[in-house]
Amino acid sequence: MARETYPDAGDEFFRILHRGWRLKCCDCALIHRIDARVASDGRIELRIIRDHRATSAARRKLKKRVVLVEE
């Protein structure tokens, strides 16, 4: 399975191309699943859900190992 990369949330506009689109927020690697649709009155509706499993996987990658070197 290919590694998933998530766009970082920032100050720019972005397009959601399909349902279940994922977005990584800030530096904390919190990942949200975003669904969008156009309502009958023409307004855009968004459903944003935290993806706990993807967040855990992304945060594991952020952890850095500390190596102690004896002098």
N, C-alpha and C. Protein backbone atom coordinates (compact mmCIF):
# COMPACT_ATOMS: atom_id res chain seq x y z
N MET A 1 0.83 -1.17 0.00
CA MET A 1 0.00 0.00 0.00
C MET A 1 0.88 1.24 0.00
N ALA A 2 0.52 2.21 -0.80
CA ALA A 2 1.32 3.44 -0.90
C ALA A 2 1.12 4.30 0.34
N ARG A 3 2.15 5.05 0.68
CA ARG A 3 2.04 5.97 1.80
C ARG A 3 1.08 7.09 1.46
N GLU A 4 0.28 7.46 2.45
CA GLU A 4 -0.64 8.56 2.23
C GLU A 4 0.02 9.85 2.65
N THR A 5 -0.14 10.87 1.84
CA THR A 5 0.33 12.20 2.20
C THR A 5 -0.90 13.09 2.27
N TYR A 6 -0.90 13.96 3.23
CA TYR A 6 -2.03 14.84 3.44
C TYR A 6 -1.59 16.27 3.27
N PRO A 7 -2.39 17.08 2.58
CA PRO A 7 -2.04 18.49 2.48
C PRO A 7 -2.17 19.14 3.86
N ASP A 8 -1.31 20.08 4.16
CA ASP A 8 -1.37 20.82 5.41
C ASP A 8 -2.37 21.96 5.29
N ALA A 9 -3.14 22.17 6.36
CA ALA A 9 -4.05 23.32 6.39
C ALA A 9 -3.20 24.58 6.52
N GLY A 10 -3.56 25.57 5.81
CA GLY A 10 -2.81 26.82 5.85
C GLY A 10 -3.73 27.98 5.54
N ASP A 11 -3.18 29.04 5.03
CA ASP A 11 -3.97 30.23 4.73
C ASP A 11 -4.52 30.22 3.31
N GLU A 12 -4.18 29.22 2.55
CA GLU A 12 -4.58 29.16 1.14
C GLU A 12 -5.93 28.46 0.98
N PHE A 13 -6.63 28.75 -0.11
CA PHE A 13 -7.84 28.02 -0.46
C PHE A 13 -7.43 26.71 -1.11
N PHE A 14 -8.25 25.69 -0.98
CA PHE A 14 -7.98 24.41 -1.63
C PHE A 14 -9.30 23.81 -2.07
N ARG A 15 -9.22 22.86 -2.98
CA ARG A 15 -10.42 22.20 -3.50
C ARG A 15 -10.54 20.80 -2.92
N ILE A 16 -11.76 20.45 -2.61
CA ILE A 16 -12.05 19.10 -2.15
C ILE A 16 -12.59 18.35 -3.36
N LEU A 17 -11.89 17.32 -3.76
CA LEU A 17 -12.22 16.66 -5.02
C LEU A 17 -13.19 15.49 -4.87
N HIS A 18 -13.30 14.93 -3.69
CA HIS A 18 -14.18 13.78 -3.51
C HIS A 18 -14.55 13.65 -2.04
N ARG A 19 -15.43 12.73 -1.74
CA ARG A 19 -15.80 12.49 -0.35
C ARG A 19 -14.69 11.76 0.37
N GLY A 20 -14.62 11.96 1.68
CA GLY A 20 -13.61 11.28 2.45
C GLY A 20 -12.23 11.88 2.29
N TRP A 21 -12.16 13.09 1.80
CA TRP A 21 -10.87 13.77 1.59
C TRP A 21 -10.25 14.05 2.95
N ARG A 22 -8.96 13.92 3.08
CA ARG A 22 -8.29 14.10 4.36
C ARG A 22 -7.39 15.31 4.35
N LEU A 23 -7.34 15.98 5.50
CA LEU A 23 -6.54 17.18 5.66
C LEU A 23 -5.80 17.12 6.98
N LYS A 24 -4.49 17.40 6.94
CA LYS A 24 -3.68 17.41 8.15
C LYS A 24 -3.56 18.85 8.64
N CYS A 25 -3.92 19.07 9.90
CA CYS A 25 -3.90 20.41 10.48
C CYS A 25 -2.58 20.69 11.19
N CYS A 26 -2.11 21.89 11.01
CA CYS A 26 -0.99 22.45 11.78
C CYS A 26 0.22 21.52 11.86
N ASP A 27 0.96 21.68 12.95
CA ASP A 27 2.14 20.85 13.18
C ASP A 27 1.84 19.66 14.08
N CYS A 28 0.62 19.59 14.58
CA CYS A 28 0.28 18.51 15.52
C CYS A 28 -0.17 17.24 14.81
N ALA A 29 -0.29 17.26 13.51
CA ALA A 29 -0.65 16.11 12.68
C ALA A 29 -2.05 15.57 12.96
N LEU A 30 -2.97 16.44 13.37
CA LEU A 30 -4.36 16.05 13.53
C LEU A 30 -4.99 15.97 12.15
N ILE A 31 -5.59 14.83 11.83
CA ILE A 31 -6.12 14.62 10.49
C ILE A 31 -7.65 14.58 10.54
N HIS A 32 -8.26 15.34 9.62
CA HIS A 32 -9.71 15.39 9.52
C HIS A 32 -10.15 14.79 8.19
N ARG A 33 -11.29 14.11 8.19
CA ARG A 33 -11.91 13.62 6.97
C ARG A 33 -13.02 14.61 6.63
N ILE A 34 -13.03 15.11 5.40
CA ILE A 34 -13.95 16.16 5.00
C ILE A 34 -14.84 15.66 3.86
N ASP A 35 -16.15 15.84 4.04
CA ASP A 35 -17.12 15.57 2.99
C ASP A 35 -17.82 16.89 2.68
N ALA A 36 -18.07 17.16 1.41
CA ALA A 36 -18.74 18.39 1.01
C ALA A 36 -19.85 18.07 0.02
N ARG A 37 -20.88 18.91 0.08
CA ARG A 37 -21.96 18.78 -0.90
C ARG A 37 -22.63 20.13 -1.07
N VAL A 38 -23.36 20.27 -2.16
CA VAL A 38 -24.12 21.49 -2.42
C VAL A 38 -25.57 21.20 -2.07
N ALA A 39 -26.13 21.98 -1.17
CA ALA A 39 -27.53 21.81 -0.74
C ALA A 39 -28.48 22.29 -1.82
N SER A 40 -29.76 22.00 -1.65
CA SER A 40 -30.77 22.38 -2.65
C SER A 40 -30.89 23.90 -2.81
N ASP A 41 -30.53 24.66 -1.76
CA ASP A 41 -30.60 26.12 -1.86
C ASP A 41 -29.31 26.73 -2.41
N GLY A 42 -28.34 25.88 -2.81
CA GLY A 42 -27.11 26.34 -3.43
C GLY A 42 -25.97 26.58 -2.46
N ARG A 43 -26.21 26.42 -1.17
CA ARG A 43 -25.14 26.61 -0.18
C ARG A 43 -24.28 25.35 -0.08
N ILE A 44 -23.05 25.56 0.30
CA ILE A 44 -22.12 24.45 0.46
C ILE A 44 -22.21 23.93 1.89
N GLU A 45 -22.35 22.62 2.03
CA GLU A 45 -22.39 21.99 3.35
C GLU A 45 -21.13 21.16 3.52
N LEU A 46 -20.51 21.27 4.69
CA LEU A 46 -19.31 20.50 5.00
C LEU A 46 -19.56 19.62 6.21
N ARG A 47 -19.02 18.42 6.18
CA ARG A 47 -18.99 17.54 7.34
C ARG A 47 -17.52 17.25 7.59
N ILE A 48 -17.05 17.61 8.78
CA ILE A 48 -15.64 17.45 9.12
C ILE A 48 -15.55 16.54 10.34
N ILE A 49 -14.86 15.41 10.18
CA ILE A 49 -14.75 14.40 11.23
C ILE A 49 -13.28 14.11 11.50
N ARG A 50 -12.92 14.02 12.78
CA ARG A 50 -11.55 13.64 13.12
C ARG A 50 -11.31 12.19 12.75
N ASP A 51 -10.19 11.93 12.11
CA ASP A 51 -9.80 10.56 11.75
C ASP A 51 -8.75 10.12 12.76
N HIS A 52 -9.19 9.44 13.81
CA HIS A 52 -8.29 9.06 14.90
C HIS A 52 -7.19 8.10 14.46
N ARG A 53 -7.53 7.16 13.60
CA ARG A 53 -6.54 6.18 13.15
C ARG A 53 -5.44 6.83 12.31
N ALA A 54 -5.83 7.67 11.37
CA ALA A 54 -4.85 8.36 10.53
C ALA A 54 -4.02 9.34 11.35
N THR A 55 -4.65 9.99 12.35
CA THR A 55 -3.92 10.91 13.21
C THR A 55 -2.85 10.16 13.99
N SER A 56 -3.21 9.00 14.53
CA SER A 56 -2.23 8.19 15.28
C SER A 56 -1.06 7.80 14.40
N ALA A 57 -1.35 7.39 13.18
CA ALA A 57 -0.28 6.99 12.26
C ALA A 57 0.62 8.18 11.91
N ALA A 58 0.03 9.34 11.68
CA ALA A 58 0.82 10.52 11.32
C ALA A 58 1.67 10.98 12.50
N ARG A 59 1.12 10.89 13.71
CA ARG A 59 1.87 11.32 14.89
C ARG A 59 3.01 10.37 15.22
N ARG A 60 2.84 9.09 14.90
CA ARG A 60 3.95 8.15 15.10
C ARG A 60 5.15 8.53 14.24
N LYS A 61 4.88 9.04 13.06
CA LYS A 61 5.96 9.46 12.16
C LYS A 61 6.66 10.71 12.66
N LEU A 62 5.94 11.53 13.46
CA LEU A 62 6.53 12.76 13.99
C LEU A 62 7.52 12.51 15.12
N LYS A 63 7.32 11.41 15.83
CA LYS A 63 8.18 11.15 16.98
C LYS A 63 9.62 10.97 16.50
N LYS A 64 10.51 11.60 17.21
CA LYS A 64 11.92 11.50 16.86
C LYS A 64 12.62 10.74 17.96
N ARG A 65 13.54 9.94 17.59
CA ARG A 65 14.31 9.18 18.57
C ARG A 65 15.44 10.03 19.10
N VAL A 66 15.65 9.94 20.38
CA VAL A 66 16.74 10.65 21.02
C VAL A 66 17.85 9.66 21.31
N VAL A 67 19.03 9.97 20.82
CA VAL A 67 20.17 9.08 21.02
C VAL A 67 21.14 9.78 21.96
N LEU A 68 21.45 9.14 23.06
CA LEU A 68 22.40 9.69 24.01
C LEU A 68 23.79 9.21 23.64
N VAL A 69 24.71 10.12 23.59
CA VAL A 69 26.08 9.79 23.23
C VAL A 69 26.94 10.00 24.46
N GLU A 70 27.62 8.97 24.84
CA GLU A 70 28.52 9.08 26.01
C GLU A 70 29.85 9.65 25.56
N GLU A 71 30.37 10.53 26.38
CA GLU A 71 31.65 11.15 26.05
C GLU A 71 32.80 10.40 26.68
